[in-house]
Amino acid sequence: MKITILSGSPRANSNTLRFSKFIQNVLQESGEHEVSLIDFAHYDLPLVGSAWLSPDTLTPFQQELVAAWGSADLIFLTSPEYNWTATPQIVNTFHLLGTPAFKQLFDGKVFATAGTSNGRGGRQPALDMMTVVNKVISFTNSYSIVSPKLYESHETDKNLDADGQFIGSDVYDRTARAFVQYTLAVAQRWQTPVEA
């Protein structure tokens, strides 16, 4: 399966990137998946309403984002919790790319959402991303699904090192892996061709 992880924090070496790398590491353990990770530390999308994106005039970061997302069957969306919501960058991405010109990004996909925190938090950004992506799927008349299981990565910096390797609580490792496995099961079921 082709899988893309969007690490939605604009900060370099963020906790969200740690968690995104953890997901990537878990997915690569089986050797069955082709995994791409897009780091929003390189983010350069204009603000929605101030400009439109054309598939023909994308910057290198935008090309990488659209290519990895467009070819994926499953997309993990991760964001830190900023004032009880997702980052403006990841929400702006959904609004800016949720147009007919980029419909392929929201069609035939499975999405999963996770929020990160260095304390206790992460639920609200995951819920907010779920809401916006579901609305874009509906608006573009696409056939995709957002997995109902979200993940809250609490105390991320105490549980994962900078390379996304587990270093903390067994509960964290068990629940984070369960989130990845559940999401894979939903994606495999969703992506199974229906016989006519």
N, C-alpha and C. Protein backbone atom coordinates (compact mmCIF):
# COMPACT_ATOMS: atom_id res chain seq x y z
N MET A 1 0.84 -1.18 0.00
CA MET A 1 0.00 0.00 0.00
C MET A 1 0.89 1.25 0.00
N LYS A 2 0.46 2.27 -0.72
CA LYS A 2 1.16 3.55 -0.72
C LYS A 2 0.58 4.43 0.37
N ILE A 3 1.46 4.93 1.22
CA ILE A 3 1.04 5.69 2.39
C ILE A 3 1.84 6.98 2.46
N THR A 4 1.15 8.09 2.74
CA THR A 4 1.81 9.37 2.95
C THR A 4 1.45 9.89 4.34
N ILE A 5 2.45 10.43 5.01
CA ILE A 5 2.28 11.04 6.33
C ILE A 5 2.55 12.53 6.18
N LEU A 6 1.59 13.36 6.54
CA LEU A 6 1.79 14.81 6.53
C LEU A 6 2.08 15.26 7.95
N SER A 7 3.29 15.73 8.19
CA SER A 7 3.69 16.23 9.49
C SER A 7 3.39 17.72 9.52
N GLY A 8 2.25 18.09 10.11
CA GLY A 8 1.68 19.42 9.95
C GLY A 8 2.20 20.52 10.84
N SER A 9 3.39 20.36 11.40
CA SER A 9 3.98 21.44 12.19
C SER A 9 5.00 22.20 11.36
N PRO A 10 4.98 23.54 11.39
CA PRO A 10 5.97 24.32 10.65
C PRO A 10 7.32 24.39 11.36
N ARG A 11 7.41 23.90 12.59
CA ARG A 11 8.65 23.97 13.35
C ARG A 11 9.60 22.85 12.94
N ALA A 12 10.87 23.19 12.81
CA ALA A 12 11.88 22.17 12.51
C ALA A 12 12.03 21.24 13.71
N ASN A 13 12.18 19.95 13.44
CA ASN A 13 12.40 18.94 14.48
C ASN A 13 11.34 18.97 15.58
N SER A 14 10.11 19.11 15.18
CA SER A 14 8.99 19.24 16.11
C SER A 14 8.59 17.89 16.72
N ASN A 15 7.78 17.96 17.77
CA ASN A 15 7.19 16.74 18.32
C ASN A 15 6.30 16.04 17.30
N THR A 16 5.63 16.82 16.47
CA THR A 16 4.78 16.24 15.43
C THR A 16 5.62 15.46 14.43
N LEU A 17 6.80 15.96 14.11
CA LEU A 17 7.70 15.22 13.21
C LEU A 17 8.17 13.94 13.89
N ARG A 18 8.44 13.99 15.19
CA ARG A 18 8.81 12.76 15.93
C ARG A 18 7.72 11.71 15.79
N PHE A 19 6.47 12.15 16.02
CA PHE A 19 5.37 11.18 15.94
C PHE A 19 5.17 10.69 14.50
N SER A 20 5.32 11.57 13.53
CA SER A 20 5.20 11.17 12.13
C SER A 20 6.27 10.14 11.77
N LYS A 21 7.49 10.35 12.27
CA LYS A 21 8.56 9.38 12.04
C LYS A 21 8.28 8.05 12.74
N PHE A 22 7.65 8.12 13.92
CA PHE A 22 7.25 6.89 14.60
C PHE A 22 6.28 6.10 13.73
N ILE A 23 5.27 6.77 13.19
CA ILE A 23 4.32 6.10 12.29
C ILE A 23 5.07 5.47 11.12
N GLN A 24 5.97 6.25 10.51
CA GLN A 24 6.76 5.75 9.38
C GLN A 24 7.56 4.51 9.78
N ASN A 25 8.20 4.56 10.95
CA ASN A 25 9.00 3.42 11.41
C ASN A 25 8.13 2.17 11.59
N VAL A 26 6.96 2.33 12.20
CA VAL A 26 6.06 1.19 12.42
C VAL A 26 5.60 0.62 11.09
N LEU A 27 5.24 1.49 10.16
CA LEU A 27 4.77 1.03 8.85
C LEU A 27 5.86 0.30 8.07
N GLN A 28 7.11 0.71 8.25
CA GLN A 28 8.20 0.11 7.48
C GLN A 28 8.71 -1.19 8.09
N GLU A 29 8.26 -1.53 9.30
CA GLU A 29 8.70 -2.78 9.93
C GLU A 29 8.34 -4.01 9.11
N SER A 30 7.16 -3.99 8.48
CA SER A 30 6.72 -5.15 7.71
C SER A 30 7.34 -5.23 6.32
N GLY A 31 7.83 -4.10 5.82
CA GLY A 31 8.38 -4.06 4.47
C GLY A 31 7.33 -4.15 3.38
N GLU A 32 6.06 -4.03 3.75
CA GLU A 32 4.96 -4.19 2.79
C GLU A 32 4.48 -2.88 2.18
N HIS A 33 4.89 -1.76 2.76
CA HIS A 33 4.32 -0.48 2.36
C HIS A 33 5.37 0.46 1.80
N GLU A 34 4.91 1.30 0.87
CA GLU A 34 5.74 2.39 0.34
C GLU A 34 5.31 3.65 1.08
N VAL A 35 6.20 4.21 1.90
CA VAL A 35 5.83 5.30 2.81
C VAL A 35 6.59 6.57 2.48
N SER A 36 5.85 7.68 2.36
CA SER A 36 6.44 9.01 2.17
C SER A 36 6.08 9.87 3.37
N LEU A 37 6.99 10.73 3.76
CA LEU A 37 6.74 11.66 4.86
C LEU A 37 7.00 13.07 4.36
N ILE A 38 6.01 13.93 4.50
CA ILE A 38 6.12 15.33 4.10
C ILE A 38 6.21 16.19 5.35
N ASP A 39 7.33 16.92 5.48
CA ASP A 39 7.61 17.74 6.65
C ASP A 39 7.19 19.19 6.38
N PHE A 40 6.22 19.68 7.15
CA PHE A 40 5.72 21.04 6.94
C PHE A 40 6.69 22.11 7.42
N ALA A 41 7.87 21.74 7.89
CA ALA A 41 8.91 22.74 8.17
C ALA A 41 9.33 23.43 6.87
N HIS A 42 9.02 22.83 5.73
CA HIS A 42 9.35 23.40 4.42
C HIS A 42 8.12 24.03 3.74
N TYR A 43 7.06 24.20 4.48
CA TYR A 43 5.77 24.68 3.99
C TYR A 43 5.88 26.04 3.31
N ASP A 44 5.27 26.17 2.13
CA ASP A 44 5.29 27.47 1.44
C ASP A 44 3.99 27.76 0.69
N LEU A 45 2.87 27.18 1.13
CA LEU A 45 1.60 27.44 0.47
C LEU A 45 1.08 28.83 0.84
N PRO A 46 0.51 29.55 -0.12
CA PRO A 46 -0.06 30.87 0.20
C PRO A 46 -1.33 30.72 1.03
N LEU A 47 -1.74 31.79 1.67
CA LEU A 47 -2.99 31.75 2.45
C LEU A 47 -4.18 31.64 1.51
N VAL A 48 -5.12 30.77 1.88
CA VAL A 48 -6.33 30.63 1.09
C VAL A 48 -7.03 31.99 1.03
N GLY A 49 -7.55 32.33 -0.13
CA GLY A 49 -8.21 33.63 -0.33
C GLY A 49 -7.29 34.69 -0.88
N SER A 50 -5.98 34.52 -0.67
CA SER A 50 -5.03 35.51 -1.18
C SER A 50 -4.42 35.05 -2.51
N ALA A 51 -4.53 33.76 -2.81
CA ALA A 51 -3.98 33.22 -4.05
C ALA A 51 -4.62 31.87 -4.32
N TRP A 52 -4.52 31.44 -5.58
CA TRP A 52 -4.99 30.11 -5.97
C TRP A 52 -3.80 29.30 -6.42
N LEU A 53 -3.85 28.02 -6.21
CA LEU A 53 -2.79 27.15 -6.70
C LEU A 53 -3.22 26.51 -8.00
N SER A 54 -2.28 26.44 -8.92
CA SER A 54 -2.50 25.74 -10.18
C SER A 54 -1.56 24.55 -10.22
N PRO A 55 -2.04 23.37 -10.65
CA PRO A 55 -1.15 22.21 -10.76
C PRO A 55 0.06 22.45 -11.65
N ASP A 56 0.00 23.46 -12.52
CA ASP A 56 1.09 23.74 -13.47
C ASP A 56 2.16 24.68 -12.94
N THR A 57 1.92 25.32 -11.78
CA THR A 57 2.88 26.32 -11.28
C THR A 57 3.25 26.08 -9.82
N LEU A 58 3.48 24.84 -9.46
CA LEU A 58 3.78 24.50 -8.08
C LEU A 58 5.27 24.64 -7.77
N THR A 59 5.57 25.06 -6.55
CA THR A 59 6.96 25.10 -6.08
C THR A 59 7.44 23.66 -5.83
N PRO A 60 8.74 23.46 -5.61
CA PRO A 60 9.22 22.11 -5.32
C PRO A 60 8.53 21.46 -4.11
N PHE A 61 8.33 22.21 -3.01
CA PHE A 61 7.62 21.63 -1.86
C PHE A 61 6.20 21.26 -2.23
N GLN A 62 5.51 22.15 -2.94
CA GLN A 62 4.13 21.88 -3.33
C GLN A 62 4.05 20.67 -4.26
N GLN A 63 5.00 20.54 -5.19
CA GLN A 63 5.04 19.37 -6.07
C GLN A 63 5.22 18.08 -5.28
N GLU A 64 6.13 18.11 -4.30
CA GLU A 64 6.38 16.93 -3.47
C GLU A 64 5.12 16.57 -2.68
N LEU A 65 4.47 17.57 -2.10
CA LEU A 65 3.25 17.36 -1.33
C LEU A 65 2.16 16.74 -2.19
N VAL A 66 1.87 17.36 -3.32
CA VAL A 66 0.79 16.89 -4.20
C VAL A 66 1.09 15.51 -4.77
N ALA A 67 2.33 15.26 -5.17
CA ALA A 67 2.69 13.95 -5.74
C ALA A 67 2.56 12.84 -4.70
N ALA A 68 3.10 13.06 -3.50
CA ALA A 68 3.05 12.03 -2.46
C ALA A 68 1.62 11.78 -2.01
N TRP A 69 0.87 12.84 -1.80
CA TRP A 69 -0.52 12.73 -1.36
C TRP A 69 -1.37 12.09 -2.47
N GLY A 70 -1.18 12.55 -3.70
CA GLY A 70 -2.00 12.07 -4.80
C GLY A 70 -1.82 10.59 -5.10
N SER A 71 -0.61 10.07 -4.91
CA SER A 71 -0.35 8.66 -5.22
C SER A 71 -0.68 7.73 -4.05
N ALA A 72 -0.98 8.29 -2.89
CA ALA A 72 -1.20 7.47 -1.69
C ALA A 72 -2.62 6.90 -1.63
N ASP A 73 -2.70 5.71 -1.05
CA ASP A 73 -3.99 5.10 -0.73
C ASP A 73 -4.46 5.54 0.65
N LEU A 74 -3.49 5.79 1.53
CA LEU A 74 -3.75 6.12 2.93
C LEU A 74 -2.90 7.34 3.30
N ILE A 75 -3.54 8.30 3.96
CA ILE A 75 -2.84 9.52 4.38
C ILE A 75 -3.03 9.70 5.88
N PHE A 76 -1.91 9.75 6.62
CA PHE A 76 -1.93 10.10 8.04
C PHE A 76 -1.71 11.61 8.14
N LEU A 77 -2.59 12.28 8.86
CA LEU A 77 -2.52 13.73 9.06
C LEU A 77 -2.17 13.98 10.52
N THR A 78 -1.05 14.65 10.77
CA THR A 78 -0.63 14.91 12.14
C THR A 78 -0.46 16.41 12.36
N SER A 79 -0.82 16.87 13.55
CA SER A 79 -0.70 18.29 13.87
C SER A 79 -0.50 18.46 15.36
N PRO A 80 0.33 19.42 15.75
CA PRO A 80 0.38 19.76 17.17
C PRO A 80 -0.89 20.50 17.56
N GLU A 81 -1.11 20.59 18.86
CA GLU A 81 -2.25 21.35 19.36
C GLU A 81 -1.80 22.77 19.64
N TYR A 82 -2.27 23.71 18.83
CA TYR A 82 -2.00 25.14 19.02
C TYR A 82 -3.28 25.78 19.50
N ASN A 83 -3.31 26.23 20.75
CA ASN A 83 -4.51 26.88 21.29
C ASN A 83 -5.77 26.08 21.02
N TRP A 84 -5.70 24.79 21.29
CA TRP A 84 -6.82 23.86 21.19
C TRP A 84 -7.31 23.64 19.77
N THR A 85 -6.43 23.79 18.79
CA THR A 85 -6.82 23.46 17.42
C THR A 85 -5.60 23.04 16.63
N ALA A 86 -5.81 22.67 15.37
CA ALA A 86 -4.72 22.27 14.48
C ALA A 86 -3.95 23.50 14.01
N THR A 87 -2.77 23.27 13.44
CA THR A 87 -1.97 24.39 12.94
C THR A 87 -2.68 25.09 11.79
N PRO A 88 -2.47 26.39 11.65
CA PRO A 88 -3.05 27.10 10.51
C PRO A 88 -2.53 26.54 9.19
N GLN A 89 -1.30 26.04 9.18
CA GLN A 89 -0.71 25.53 7.93
C GLN A 89 -1.48 24.32 7.41
N ILE A 90 -1.79 23.36 8.29
CA ILE A 90 -2.46 22.16 7.79
C ILE A 90 -3.92 22.45 7.42
N VAL A 91 -4.58 23.31 8.20
CA VAL A 91 -5.96 23.68 7.85
C VAL A 91 -5.97 24.46 6.55
N ASN A 92 -5.03 25.38 6.37
CA ASN A 92 -4.92 26.13 5.12
C ASN A 92 -4.70 25.19 3.93
N THR A 93 -3.91 24.14 4.14
CA THR A 93 -3.65 23.16 3.08
C THR A 93 -4.95 22.52 2.61
N PHE A 94 -5.79 22.11 3.55
CA PHE A 94 -7.07 21.48 3.17
C PHE A 94 -7.94 22.46 2.39
N HIS A 95 -8.01 23.71 2.86
CA HIS A 95 -8.85 24.70 2.19
C HIS A 95 -8.30 25.03 0.80
N LEU A 96 -6.99 25.19 0.69
CA LEU A 96 -6.37 25.59 -0.57
C LEU A 96 -6.42 24.48 -1.61
N LEU A 97 -6.23 23.23 -1.17
CA LEU A 97 -6.20 22.10 -2.11
C LEU A 97 -7.57 21.43 -2.27
N GLY A 98 -8.54 21.85 -1.48
CA GLY A 98 -9.88 21.26 -1.58
C GLY A 98 -10.69 21.88 -2.68
N THR A 99 -10.15 21.87 -3.90
CA THR A 99 -10.80 22.46 -5.06
C THR A 99 -10.85 21.44 -6.19
N PRO A 100 -11.66 21.69 -7.22
CA PRO A 100 -11.72 20.74 -8.33
C PRO A 100 -10.36 20.46 -8.98
N ALA A 101 -9.46 21.43 -8.99
CA ALA A 101 -8.15 21.23 -9.62
C ALA A 101 -7.32 20.17 -8.90
N PHE A 102 -7.60 19.95 -7.61
CA PHE A 102 -6.86 18.97 -6.82
C PHE A 102 -7.77 17.89 -6.24
N LYS A 103 -8.89 17.65 -6.90
CA LYS A 103 -9.88 16.66 -6.43
C LYS A 103 -9.25 15.30 -6.17
N GLN A 104 -8.24 14.92 -6.96
CA GLN A 104 -7.63 13.60 -6.81
C GLN A 104 -7.01 13.39 -5.43
N LEU A 105 -6.73 14.47 -4.72
CA LEU A 105 -6.14 14.36 -3.39
C LEU A 105 -7.16 13.88 -2.35
N PHE A 106 -8.43 14.01 -2.67
CA PHE A 106 -9.49 13.65 -1.74
C PHE A 106 -10.37 12.52 -2.25
N ASP A 107 -9.99 11.88 -3.32
CA ASP A 107 -10.82 10.84 -3.93
C ASP A 107 -10.13 9.48 -3.85
N GLY A 108 -10.86 8.47 -3.37
CA GLY A 108 -10.33 7.12 -3.29
C GLY A 108 -9.27 6.95 -2.22
N LYS A 109 -9.36 7.70 -1.14
CA LYS A 109 -8.35 7.71 -0.08
C LYS A 109 -8.95 7.31 1.26
N VAL A 110 -8.06 6.91 2.16
CA VAL A 110 -8.40 6.78 3.57
C VAL A 110 -7.51 7.77 4.32
N PHE A 111 -8.11 8.54 5.21
CA PHE A 111 -7.39 9.51 6.02
C PHE A 111 -7.45 9.10 7.48
N ALA A 112 -6.40 9.39 8.22
CA ALA A 112 -6.38 9.18 9.67
C ALA A 112 -5.75 10.41 10.30
N THR A 113 -6.26 10.81 11.47
CA THR A 113 -5.80 12.04 12.09
C THR A 113 -5.22 11.78 13.49
N ALA A 114 -4.18 12.55 13.81
CA ALA A 114 -3.55 12.47 15.13
C ALA A 114 -3.07 13.84 15.55
N GLY A 115 -3.21 14.13 16.82
CA GLY A 115 -2.72 15.38 17.40
C GLY A 115 -1.60 15.09 18.37
N THR A 116 -0.63 16.00 18.43
CA THR A 116 0.52 15.80 19.32
C THR A 116 0.63 16.92 20.34
N SER A 117 1.27 16.57 21.46
CA SER A 117 1.48 17.54 22.53
C SER A 117 2.71 17.12 23.33
N ASN A 118 3.36 18.10 23.97
CA ASN A 118 4.44 17.74 24.88
C ASN A 118 3.88 17.55 26.29
N GLY A 119 2.57 17.79 26.45
CA GLY A 119 1.88 17.54 27.72
C GLY A 119 0.71 16.61 27.46
N ARG A 120 -0.45 16.98 27.97
CA ARG A 120 -1.67 16.22 27.71
C ARG A 120 -2.47 17.00 26.69
N GLY A 121 -2.68 16.44 25.54
CA GLY A 121 -3.44 17.14 24.50
C GLY A 121 -3.32 16.42 23.18
N GLY A 122 -4.01 16.94 22.19
CA GLY A 122 -3.96 16.37 20.85
C GLY A 122 -5.32 16.00 20.28
N ARG A 123 -6.32 15.86 21.15
CA ARG A 123 -7.64 15.44 20.66
C ARG A 123 -8.26 16.49 19.73
N GLN A 124 -8.22 17.76 20.14
CA GLN A 124 -8.92 18.78 19.36
C GLN A 124 -8.34 18.96 17.95
N PRO A 125 -7.02 19.01 17.76
CA PRO A 125 -6.55 19.13 16.38
C PRO A 125 -6.93 17.92 15.53
N ALA A 126 -6.93 16.73 16.14
CA ALA A 126 -7.32 15.54 15.38
C ALA A 126 -8.79 15.64 14.97
N LEU A 127 -9.65 16.08 15.89
CA LEU A 127 -11.07 16.25 15.57
C LEU A 127 -11.28 17.34 14.51
N ASP A 128 -10.56 18.45 14.65
CA ASP A 128 -10.71 19.55 13.69
C ASP A 128 -10.29 19.12 12.29
N MET A 129 -9.18 18.39 12.18
CA MET A 129 -8.75 17.89 10.86
C MET A 129 -9.79 16.94 10.28
N MET A 130 -10.34 16.07 11.14
CA MET A 130 -11.39 15.14 10.71
C MET A 130 -12.57 15.89 10.10
N THR A 131 -13.01 16.94 10.80
CA THR A 131 -14.16 17.73 10.35
C THR A 131 -13.90 18.37 8.99
N VAL A 132 -12.76 19.05 8.86
CA VAL A 132 -12.48 19.77 7.61
C VAL A 132 -12.29 18.79 6.45
N VAL A 133 -11.56 17.70 6.66
CA VAL A 133 -11.34 16.75 5.57
C VAL A 133 -12.66 16.11 5.15
N ASN A 134 -13.52 15.76 6.09
CA ASN A 134 -14.83 15.22 5.73
C ASN A 134 -15.62 16.23 4.90
N LYS A 135 -15.55 17.50 5.25
CA LYS A 135 -16.27 18.53 4.50
C LYS A 135 -15.71 18.66 3.09
N VAL A 136 -14.38 18.61 2.93
CA VAL A 136 -13.78 18.71 1.59
C VAL A 136 -14.15 17.49 0.76
N ILE A 137 -14.15 16.30 1.36
CA ILE A 137 -14.57 15.10 0.64
C ILE A 137 -15.99 15.29 0.11
N SER A 138 -16.86 15.80 0.95
CA SER A 138 -18.25 16.05 0.55
C SER A 138 -18.33 17.12 -0.54
N PHE A 139 -17.62 18.24 -0.33
CA PHE A 139 -17.66 19.36 -1.27
C PHE A 139 -17.18 18.95 -2.66
N THR A 140 -16.13 18.14 -2.72
CA THR A 140 -15.57 17.73 -4.02
C THR A 140 -16.28 16.50 -4.58
N ASN A 141 -17.33 16.04 -3.88
CA ASN A 141 -18.09 14.88 -4.32
C ASN A 141 -17.17 13.68 -4.53
N SER A 142 -16.27 13.48 -3.58
CA SER A 142 -15.29 12.41 -3.67
C SER A 142 -15.74 11.19 -2.87
N TYR A 143 -15.06 10.09 -3.11
CA TYR A 143 -15.36 8.85 -2.41
C TYR A 143 -14.13 8.45 -1.59
N SER A 144 -14.11 8.94 -0.37
CA SER A 144 -13.04 8.65 0.56
C SER A 144 -13.65 8.49 1.94
N ILE A 145 -12.80 8.12 2.90
CA ILE A 145 -13.27 7.93 4.26
C ILE A 145 -12.20 8.44 5.22
N VAL A 146 -12.66 9.02 6.32
CA VAL A 146 -11.76 9.39 7.42
C VAL A 146 -11.95 8.34 8.50
N SER A 147 -10.88 7.66 8.86
CA SER A 147 -10.96 6.62 9.87
C SER A 147 -11.51 7.19 11.18
N PRO A 148 -12.41 6.47 11.85
CA PRO A 148 -12.99 6.99 13.08
C PRO A 148 -12.04 7.00 14.27
N LYS A 149 -10.97 6.22 14.22
CA LYS A 149 -10.03 6.19 15.34
C LYS A 149 -8.98 7.28 15.15
N LEU A 150 -8.91 8.19 16.10
CA LEU A 150 -7.86 9.21 16.10
C LEU A 150 -6.85 8.88 17.19
N TYR A 151 -5.75 9.62 17.21
CA TYR A 151 -4.75 9.38 18.25
C TYR A 151 -4.31 10.69 18.87
N GLU A 152 -4.15 10.66 20.19
CA GLU A 152 -3.61 11.79 20.95
C GLU A 152 -2.22 11.40 21.44
N SER A 153 -1.20 12.01 20.90
CA SER A 153 0.18 11.71 21.31
C SER A 153 0.55 12.61 22.48
N HIS A 154 0.35 12.11 23.70
CA HIS A 154 0.67 12.86 24.91
C HIS A 154 2.17 12.74 25.22
N GLU A 155 2.73 13.79 25.79
CA GLU A 155 4.12 13.78 26.24
C GLU A 155 5.04 13.17 25.17
N THR A 156 4.87 13.65 23.96
CA THR A 156 5.56 13.08 22.80
C THR A 156 7.07 13.07 22.98
N ASP A 157 7.62 14.17 23.49
CA ASP A 157 9.08 14.25 23.63
C ASP A 157 9.63 13.32 24.71
N LYS A 158 8.78 12.85 25.61
CA LYS A 158 9.22 11.89 26.63
C LYS A 158 9.09 10.45 26.14
N ASN A 159 8.31 10.23 25.08
CA ASN A 159 8.05 8.88 24.59
C ASN A 159 8.77 8.54 23.29
N LEU A 160 9.19 9.57 22.54
CA LEU A 160 9.84 9.35 21.25
C LEU A 160 11.09 10.21 21.14
N ASP A 161 12.14 9.65 20.56
CA ASP A 161 13.33 10.48 20.32
C ASP A 161 13.18 11.21 18.99
N ALA A 162 14.18 11.98 18.60
CA ALA A 162 14.09 12.81 17.40
C ALA A 162 13.92 12.01 16.12
N ASP A 163 14.29 10.72 16.15
CA ASP A 163 14.13 9.86 14.97
C ASP A 163 12.84 9.05 15.01
N GLY A 164 11.98 9.34 15.97
CA GLY A 164 10.72 8.62 16.07
C GLY A 164 10.85 7.25 16.68
N GLN A 165 11.95 7.00 17.38
CA GLN A 165 12.14 5.72 18.05
C GLN A 165 11.51 5.80 19.44
N PHE A 166 10.82 4.74 19.82
CA PHE A 166 10.14 4.68 21.10
C PHE A 166 11.15 4.63 22.25
N ILE A 167 10.96 5.49 23.27
CA ILE A 167 11.86 5.53 24.43
C ILE A 167 11.11 5.64 25.75
N GLY A 168 9.78 5.55 25.72
CA GLY A 168 9.01 5.91 26.91
C GLY A 168 8.12 4.82 27.47
N SER A 169 6.89 5.19 27.74
CA SER A 169 5.91 4.35 28.41
C SER A 169 5.42 3.23 27.50
N ASP A 170 5.31 2.02 28.06
CA ASP A 170 4.78 0.88 27.30
C ASP A 170 3.35 1.15 26.84
N VAL A 171 2.60 1.89 27.65
CA VAL A 171 1.22 2.23 27.26
C VAL A 171 1.22 3.07 25.98
N TYR A 172 2.14 4.03 25.91
CA TYR A 172 2.24 4.87 24.72
C TYR A 172 2.53 4.01 23.49
N ASP A 173 3.53 3.16 23.57
CA ASP A 173 3.91 2.31 22.44
C ASP A 173 2.75 1.43 22.01
N ARG A 174 2.08 0.82 22.97
CA ARG A 174 0.97 -0.09 22.65
C ARG A 174 -0.19 0.65 21.99
N THR A 175 -0.56 1.80 22.53
CA THR A 175 -1.72 2.52 21.98
C THR A 175 -1.41 3.17 20.64
N ALA A 176 -0.18 3.68 20.47
CA ALA A 176 0.20 4.29 19.19
C ALA A 176 0.25 3.24 18.09
N ARG A 177 0.80 2.07 18.41
CA ARG A 177 0.83 0.97 17.43
C ARG A 177 -0.59 0.49 17.10
N ALA A 178 -1.46 0.45 18.10
CA ALA A 178 -2.85 0.05 17.87
C ALA A 178 -3.54 1.02 16.91
N PHE A 179 -3.25 2.32 17.05
CA PHE A 179 -3.80 3.33 16.13
C PHE A 179 -3.34 3.05 14.70
N VAL A 180 -2.06 2.78 14.50
CA VAL A 180 -1.53 2.50 13.17
C VAL A 180 -2.17 1.23 12.61
N GLN A 181 -2.24 0.17 13.41
CA GLN A 181 -2.79 -1.10 12.94
C GLN A 181 -4.28 -0.99 12.60
N TYR A 182 -5.03 -0.28 13.43
CA TYR A 182 -6.45 -0.06 13.16
C TYR A 182 -6.62 0.68 11.83
N THR A 183 -5.82 1.72 11.65
CA THR A 183 -5.90 2.52 10.43
C THR A 183 -5.57 1.67 9.20
N LEU A 184 -4.55 0.84 9.30
CA LEU A 184 -4.21 -0.06 8.19
C LEU A 184 -5.37 -1.00 7.87
N ALA A 185 -6.01 -1.54 8.91
CA ALA A 185 -7.14 -2.45 8.68
C ALA A 185 -8.29 -1.74 7.97
N VAL A 186 -8.58 -0.49 8.38
CA VAL A 186 -9.63 0.28 7.70
C VAL A 186 -9.25 0.52 6.24
N ALA A 187 -7.99 0.90 6.02
CA ALA A 187 -7.53 1.18 4.65
C ALA A 187 -7.58 -0.06 3.78
N GLN A 188 -7.16 -1.20 4.32
CA GLN A 188 -7.20 -2.43 3.53
C GLN A 188 -8.62 -2.81 3.17
N ARG A 189 -9.52 -2.63 4.11
CA ARG A 189 -10.92 -2.94 3.82
C ARG A 189 -11.50 -1.95 2.80
N TRP A 190 -11.19 -0.66 2.96
CA TRP A 190 -11.71 0.36 2.05
C TRP A 190 -11.14 0.20 0.65
N GLN A 191 -9.88 -0.17 0.54
CA GLN A 191 -9.22 -0.25 -0.76
C GLN A 191 -9.45 -1.58 -1.47
N THR A 192 -10.11 -2.54 -0.84
CA THR A 192 -10.40 -3.83 -1.48
C THR A 192 -11.40 -3.61 -2.60
N PRO A 193 -11.04 -4.03 -3.84
CA PRO A 193 -11.97 -3.84 -4.95
C PRO A 193 -13.28 -4.59 -4.74
N VAL A 194 -14.36 -3.98 -5.13
CA VAL A 194 -15.68 -4.61 -5.06
C VAL A 194 -15.94 -5.32 -6.37
N GLU A 195 -16.31 -6.60 -6.26
CA GLU A 195 -16.60 -7.36 -7.49
C GLU A 195 -17.96 -6.98 -8.04
N ALA A 196 -18.02 -6.84 -9.34
CA ALA A 196 -19.29 -6.44 -9.98
C ALA A 196 -20.23 -7.62 -10.11
